[in-house]
């Protein structure tokens, strides 16, 4: 099924407007609503859980397929380097080199 360019453009505009409305509502309602400390902590924890879940799924899957053991090993090496407090560029480069080397050697 082919979509015309106008449908795609309308979809982009609707998503952009929705995004800005959500941002504006947060700014507008920030002074009008109060939360208990427990609820603030719960929201912060839920955001962390959401980001962690996204990271795990992006590590394990590429589109609808398993991403392979080389990517998983590269991510674990990056986690170890980040835990040892190396700089971000070093963590990214080491993970990239490990993953690329394992794929070059024939690991999936």
N, C-alpha and C. Protein backbone atom coordinates (compact mmCIF):
# COMPACT_ATOMS: atom_id res chain seq x y z
N UNK A 1 0.84 -1.17 0.00
CA UNK A 1 0.00 0.00 0.00
C UNK A 1 0.89 1.23 0.00
N UNK A 2 0.68 2.08 -0.95
CA UNK A 2 1.45 3.32 -1.06
C UNK A 2 0.67 4.47 -0.43
N UNK A 3 1.37 5.27 0.33
CA UNK A 3 0.77 6.46 0.92
C UNK A 3 1.23 7.68 0.12
N UNK A 4 0.32 8.60 -0.09
CA UNK A 4 0.72 9.80 -0.80
C UNK A 4 1.53 10.69 0.14
N UNK A 5 2.24 11.60 -0.46
CA UNK A 5 3.09 12.48 0.33
C UNK A 5 2.28 13.40 1.23
N UNK A 6 1.06 13.70 0.85
CA UNK A 6 0.25 14.59 1.68
C UNK A 6 -0.15 13.90 2.99
N UNK A 7 -0.43 12.59 2.96
CA UNK A 7 -0.75 11.88 4.19
C UNK A 7 0.45 11.86 5.14
N UNK A 8 1.62 11.65 4.58
CA UNK A 8 2.84 11.64 5.41
C UNK A 8 3.06 13.02 6.02
N UNK A 9 2.87 14.07 5.21
CA UNK A 9 3.05 15.43 5.71
C UNK A 9 2.04 15.75 6.81
N UNK A 10 0.79 15.35 6.63
CA UNK A 10 -0.24 15.59 7.64
C UNK A 10 0.11 14.83 8.92
N UNK A 11 0.61 13.61 8.80
CA UNK A 11 1.02 12.85 9.97
C UNK A 11 2.14 13.51 10.74
N UNK A 12 3.11 14.06 10.02
CA UNK A 12 4.22 14.76 10.67
C UNK A 12 3.72 16.00 11.40
N UNK A 13 2.81 16.74 10.76
CA UNK A 13 2.27 17.95 11.38
C UNK A 13 1.48 17.60 12.64
N UNK A 14 0.65 16.55 12.56
CA UNK A 14 -0.15 16.15 13.73
C UNK A 14 0.77 15.73 14.88
N UNK A 15 1.81 14.95 14.59
CA UNK A 15 2.73 14.53 15.64
C UNK A 15 3.48 15.72 16.23
N UNK A 16 3.88 16.67 15.39
CA UNK A 16 4.59 17.85 15.89
C UNK A 16 3.68 18.68 16.78
N UNK A 17 2.45 18.90 16.35
CA UNK A 17 1.51 19.68 17.17
C UNK A 17 1.21 18.98 18.49
N UNK A 18 1.03 17.67 18.43
CA UNK A 18 0.79 16.92 19.67
C UNK A 18 1.96 17.01 20.63
N UNK A 19 3.17 16.93 20.09
CA UNK A 19 4.36 17.04 20.92
C UNK A 19 4.43 18.40 21.61
N UNK A 20 4.21 19.47 20.85
CA UNK A 20 4.28 20.80 21.44
C UNK A 20 3.13 21.05 22.42
N UNK A 21 1.95 20.48 22.16
CA UNK A 21 0.85 20.62 23.12
C UNK A 21 1.15 19.91 24.43
N UNK A 22 1.78 18.75 24.34
CA UNK A 22 2.16 18.03 25.57
C UNK A 22 3.21 18.83 26.34
N UNK A 23 4.18 19.38 25.63
CA UNK A 23 5.20 20.20 26.30
C UNK A 23 4.58 21.45 26.93
N UNK A 24 3.69 22.10 26.21
CA UNK A 24 3.05 23.29 26.74
C UNK A 24 2.19 22.97 27.95
N UNK A 25 1.47 21.85 27.89
CA UNK A 25 0.62 21.50 29.03
C UNK A 25 1.46 21.22 30.27
N UNK A 26 2.63 20.61 30.11
CA UNK A 26 3.51 20.41 31.25
C UNK A 26 4.00 21.71 31.84
N UNK A 27 4.37 22.65 30.98
CA UNK A 27 4.81 23.95 31.45
C UNK A 27 3.66 24.72 32.09
N UNK A 28 2.49 24.63 31.50
CA UNK A 28 1.33 25.38 31.99
C UNK A 28 0.80 24.80 33.30
N UNK A 29 0.81 23.48 33.43
CA UNK A 29 0.25 22.85 34.62
C UNK A 29 1.25 22.67 35.75
N UNK A 30 2.51 23.02 35.54
CA UNK A 30 3.53 22.78 36.55
C UNK A 30 3.24 23.54 37.84
N UNK A 31 2.74 24.74 37.75
CA UNK A 31 2.47 25.53 38.94
C UNK A 31 1.06 25.32 39.49
N UNK A 32 0.22 24.64 38.75
CA UNK A 32 -1.17 24.46 39.17
C UNK A 32 -1.42 23.13 39.88
N UNK A 33 -0.53 22.19 39.70
CA UNK A 33 -0.71 20.87 40.30
C UNK A 33 0.42 20.59 41.28
N UNK A 34 0.10 19.93 42.37
CA UNK A 34 1.12 19.53 43.33
C UNK A 34 1.06 18.01 43.48
N UNK A 35 2.22 17.44 43.63
CA UNK A 35 2.34 16.00 43.82
C UNK A 35 3.00 15.73 45.16
N UNK A 36 2.64 14.61 45.74
CA UNK A 36 3.33 14.17 46.94
C UNK A 36 4.71 13.67 46.54
N UNK A 37 5.60 13.65 47.51
CA UNK A 37 6.97 13.22 47.24
C UNK A 37 7.01 11.78 46.74
N UNK A 38 6.13 10.95 47.28
CA UNK A 38 6.06 9.55 46.85
C UNK A 38 5.70 9.47 45.36
N UNK A 39 4.77 10.28 44.91
CA UNK A 39 4.36 10.25 43.51
C UNK A 39 5.45 10.80 42.60
N UNK A 40 6.19 11.80 43.06
CA UNK A 40 7.31 12.32 42.28
C UNK A 40 8.37 11.25 42.09
N UNK A 41 8.66 10.51 43.16
CA UNK A 41 9.65 9.43 43.08
C UNK A 41 9.16 8.32 42.17
N UNK A 42 7.88 8.03 42.22
CA UNK A 42 7.29 7.00 41.37
C UNK A 42 7.39 7.40 39.89
N UNK A 43 7.16 8.66 39.57
CA UNK A 43 7.30 9.13 38.19
C UNK A 43 8.75 9.06 37.72
N UNK A 44 9.67 9.43 38.58
CA UNK A 44 11.09 9.35 38.22
C UNK A 44 11.52 7.90 38.00
N UNK A 45 11.06 7.02 38.86
CA UNK A 45 11.40 5.60 38.71
C UNK A 45 10.79 5.01 37.44
N UNK A 46 9.56 5.42 37.13
CA UNK A 46 8.93 4.88 35.92
C UNK A 46 9.65 5.36 34.67
N UNK A 47 10.17 6.57 34.67
CA UNK A 47 10.95 7.05 33.54
C UNK A 47 12.24 6.24 33.38
N UNK A 48 12.88 5.91 34.49
CA UNK A 48 14.10 5.10 34.44
C UNK A 48 13.80 3.69 33.93
N UNK A 49 12.69 3.12 34.38
CA UNK A 49 12.30 1.78 33.92
C UNK A 49 12.01 1.80 32.43
N UNK A 50 11.35 2.84 31.96
CA UNK A 50 11.04 2.96 30.54
C UNK A 50 12.32 3.05 29.70
N UNK A 51 13.27 3.88 30.13
CA UNK A 51 14.53 4.00 29.40
C UNK A 51 15.35 2.71 29.45
N UNK A 52 15.33 2.02 30.59
CA UNK A 52 16.05 0.76 30.70
C UNK A 52 15.44 -0.29 29.77
N UNK A 53 14.11 -0.35 29.73
CA UNK A 53 13.44 -1.31 28.86
C UNK A 53 13.75 -1.02 27.40
N UNK A 54 13.75 0.24 27.03
CA UNK A 54 14.09 0.63 25.66
C UNK A 54 15.52 0.21 25.32
N UNK A 55 16.44 0.41 26.24
CA UNK A 55 17.83 0.02 26.00
C UNK A 55 17.97 -1.49 25.85
N UNK A 56 17.26 -2.26 26.66
CA UNK A 56 17.35 -3.71 26.58
C UNK A 56 16.78 -4.21 25.25
N UNK A 57 15.63 -3.69 24.85
CA UNK A 57 15.04 -4.14 23.59
C UNK A 57 15.87 -3.72 22.39
N UNK A 58 16.50 -2.54 22.43
CA UNK A 58 17.37 -2.14 21.33
C UNK A 58 18.65 -2.96 21.31
N UNK A 59 19.05 -3.48 22.44
CA UNK A 59 20.22 -4.35 22.47
C UNK A 59 19.90 -5.72 21.91
N UNK A 60 18.76 -6.26 22.27
CA UNK A 60 18.42 -7.63 21.89
C UNK A 60 17.83 -7.76 20.49
N UNK A 61 17.14 -6.74 20.02
CA UNK A 61 16.43 -6.87 18.75
C UNK A 61 16.79 -5.75 17.79
N UNK A 62 16.85 -6.10 16.51
CA UNK A 62 16.97 -5.14 15.43
C UNK A 62 15.74 -5.36 14.56
N UNK A 63 14.86 -4.38 14.55
CA UNK A 63 13.55 -4.47 13.93
C UNK A 63 12.79 -5.65 14.55
N UNK A 64 12.58 -6.73 13.80
CA UNK A 64 11.83 -7.86 14.36
C UNK A 64 12.72 -9.08 14.57
N UNK A 65 14.02 -8.94 14.37
CA UNK A 65 14.93 -10.07 14.47
C UNK A 65 15.89 -9.91 15.64
N UNK A 66 16.38 -11.05 16.12
CA UNK A 66 17.41 -11.05 17.16
C UNK A 66 18.66 -10.39 16.61
N UNK A 67 19.26 -9.49 17.36
CA UNK A 67 20.37 -8.69 16.83
C UNK A 67 21.70 -9.44 16.80
N UNK A 68 21.81 -10.51 17.52
CA UNK A 68 23.05 -11.28 17.48
C UNK A 68 23.88 -11.11 18.74
N UNK A 69 24.74 -12.07 18.96
CA UNK A 69 25.54 -12.11 20.18
C UNK A 69 26.63 -11.05 20.17
N UNK A 70 27.09 -10.65 19.00
CA UNK A 70 28.17 -9.64 18.95
C UNK A 70 27.70 -8.29 19.48
N UNK A 71 26.48 -7.91 19.18
CA UNK A 71 25.95 -6.64 19.69
C UNK A 71 25.77 -6.69 21.20
N UNK A 72 25.33 -7.83 21.70
CA UNK A 72 25.13 -7.99 23.14
C UNK A 72 26.48 -7.92 23.87
N UNK A 73 27.48 -8.57 23.33
CA UNK A 73 28.81 -8.51 23.94
C UNK A 73 29.35 -7.08 23.90
N UNK A 74 29.15 -6.37 22.79
CA UNK A 74 29.59 -4.98 22.68
C UNK A 74 28.92 -4.09 23.71
N UNK A 75 27.63 -4.31 23.94
CA UNK A 75 26.91 -3.51 24.94
C UNK A 75 27.42 -3.82 26.35
N UNK A 76 27.67 -5.09 26.64
CA UNK A 76 28.18 -5.44 27.97
C UNK A 76 29.58 -4.88 28.20
N UNK A 77 30.41 -4.87 27.17
CA UNK A 77 31.73 -4.25 27.31
C UNK A 77 31.57 -2.74 27.56
N UNK A 78 30.62 -2.11 26.87
CA UNK A 78 30.37 -0.68 27.08
C UNK A 78 29.89 -0.43 28.51
N UNK A 79 29.05 -1.31 29.03
CA UNK A 79 28.58 -1.15 30.40
C UNK A 79 29.74 -1.24 31.38
N UNK A 80 30.63 -2.17 31.15
CA UNK A 80 31.79 -2.33 32.04
C UNK A 80 32.69 -1.10 31.98
N UNK A 81 32.93 -0.59 30.77
CA UNK A 81 33.77 0.60 30.63
C UNK A 81 33.10 1.83 31.26
N UNK A 82 31.79 1.93 31.11
CA UNK A 82 31.08 3.06 31.73
C UNK A 82 31.11 2.93 33.25
N UNK A 83 31.01 1.71 33.76
CA UNK A 83 31.05 1.48 35.20
C UNK A 83 32.42 1.86 35.77
N UNK A 84 33.47 1.63 34.97
CA UNK A 84 34.83 1.99 35.39
C UNK A 84 35.12 3.47 35.18
N UNK A 85 34.11 4.24 34.75
CA UNK A 85 34.15 5.70 34.62
C UNK A 85 35.11 6.18 33.53
N UNK A 86 35.14 5.46 32.40
CA UNK A 86 35.85 5.96 31.23
C UNK A 86 34.99 7.04 30.58
N UNK A 87 35.60 7.85 29.74
CA UNK A 87 34.83 8.91 29.08
C UNK A 87 33.86 8.29 28.07
N UNK A 88 32.84 9.07 27.72
CA UNK A 88 31.79 8.57 26.84
C UNK A 88 32.33 8.18 25.47
N UNK A 89 33.23 8.95 24.94
CA UNK A 89 33.78 8.65 23.62
C UNK A 89 34.57 7.35 23.64
N UNK A 90 35.28 7.09 24.73
CA UNK A 90 36.02 5.83 24.85
C UNK A 90 35.05 4.66 24.95
N UNK A 91 34.00 4.82 25.71
CA UNK A 91 32.99 3.75 25.85
C UNK A 91 32.37 3.43 24.50
N UNK A 92 32.00 4.46 23.76
CA UNK A 92 31.36 4.25 22.45
C UNK A 92 32.33 3.60 21.47
N UNK A 93 33.57 4.10 21.43
CA UNK A 93 34.53 3.54 20.48
C UNK A 93 34.89 2.10 20.80
N UNK A 94 35.07 1.78 22.08
CA UNK A 94 35.40 0.40 22.45
C UNK A 94 34.24 -0.54 22.11
N UNK A 95 33.01 -0.12 22.43
CA UNK A 95 31.86 -0.96 22.11
C UNK A 95 31.73 -1.16 20.60
N UNK A 96 31.96 -0.10 19.84
CA UNK A 96 31.87 -0.20 18.40
C UNK A 96 32.95 -1.13 17.84
N UNK A 97 34.17 -0.98 18.34
CA UNK A 97 35.26 -1.83 17.86
C UNK A 97 35.06 -3.29 18.23
N UNK A 98 34.60 -3.56 19.44
CA UNK A 98 34.34 -4.95 19.84
C UNK A 98 33.26 -5.57 18.97
N UNK A 99 32.16 -4.84 18.78
CA UNK A 99 31.06 -5.37 17.97
C UNK A 99 31.49 -5.58 16.53
N UNK A 100 32.20 -4.62 15.96
CA UNK A 100 32.65 -4.74 14.57
C UNK A 100 33.65 -5.88 14.41
N UNK A 101 34.54 -6.04 15.36
CA UNK A 101 35.52 -7.13 15.28
C UNK A 101 34.84 -8.49 15.37
N UNK A 102 33.89 -8.63 16.29
CA UNK A 102 33.19 -9.90 16.40
C UNK A 102 32.37 -10.21 15.15
N UNK A 103 31.77 -9.20 14.55
CA UNK A 103 31.02 -9.43 13.31
C UNK A 103 31.96 -9.76 12.16
N UNK A 104 33.13 -9.16 12.14
CA UNK A 104 34.13 -9.45 11.11
C UNK A 104 34.62 -10.89 11.25
N UNK A 105 34.73 -11.37 12.48
CA UNK A 105 35.20 -12.73 12.72
C UNK A 105 34.11 -13.78 12.48
N UNK A 106 32.89 -13.33 12.19
CA UNK A 106 31.85 -14.29 11.83
C UNK A 106 30.78 -14.52 12.87
N UNK A 107 30.86 -13.85 13.99
CA UNK A 107 29.79 -13.97 14.97
C UNK A 107 28.55 -13.26 14.45
N UNK A 108 27.38 -13.79 14.73
CA UNK A 108 26.15 -13.13 14.24
C UNK A 108 25.87 -11.83 14.94
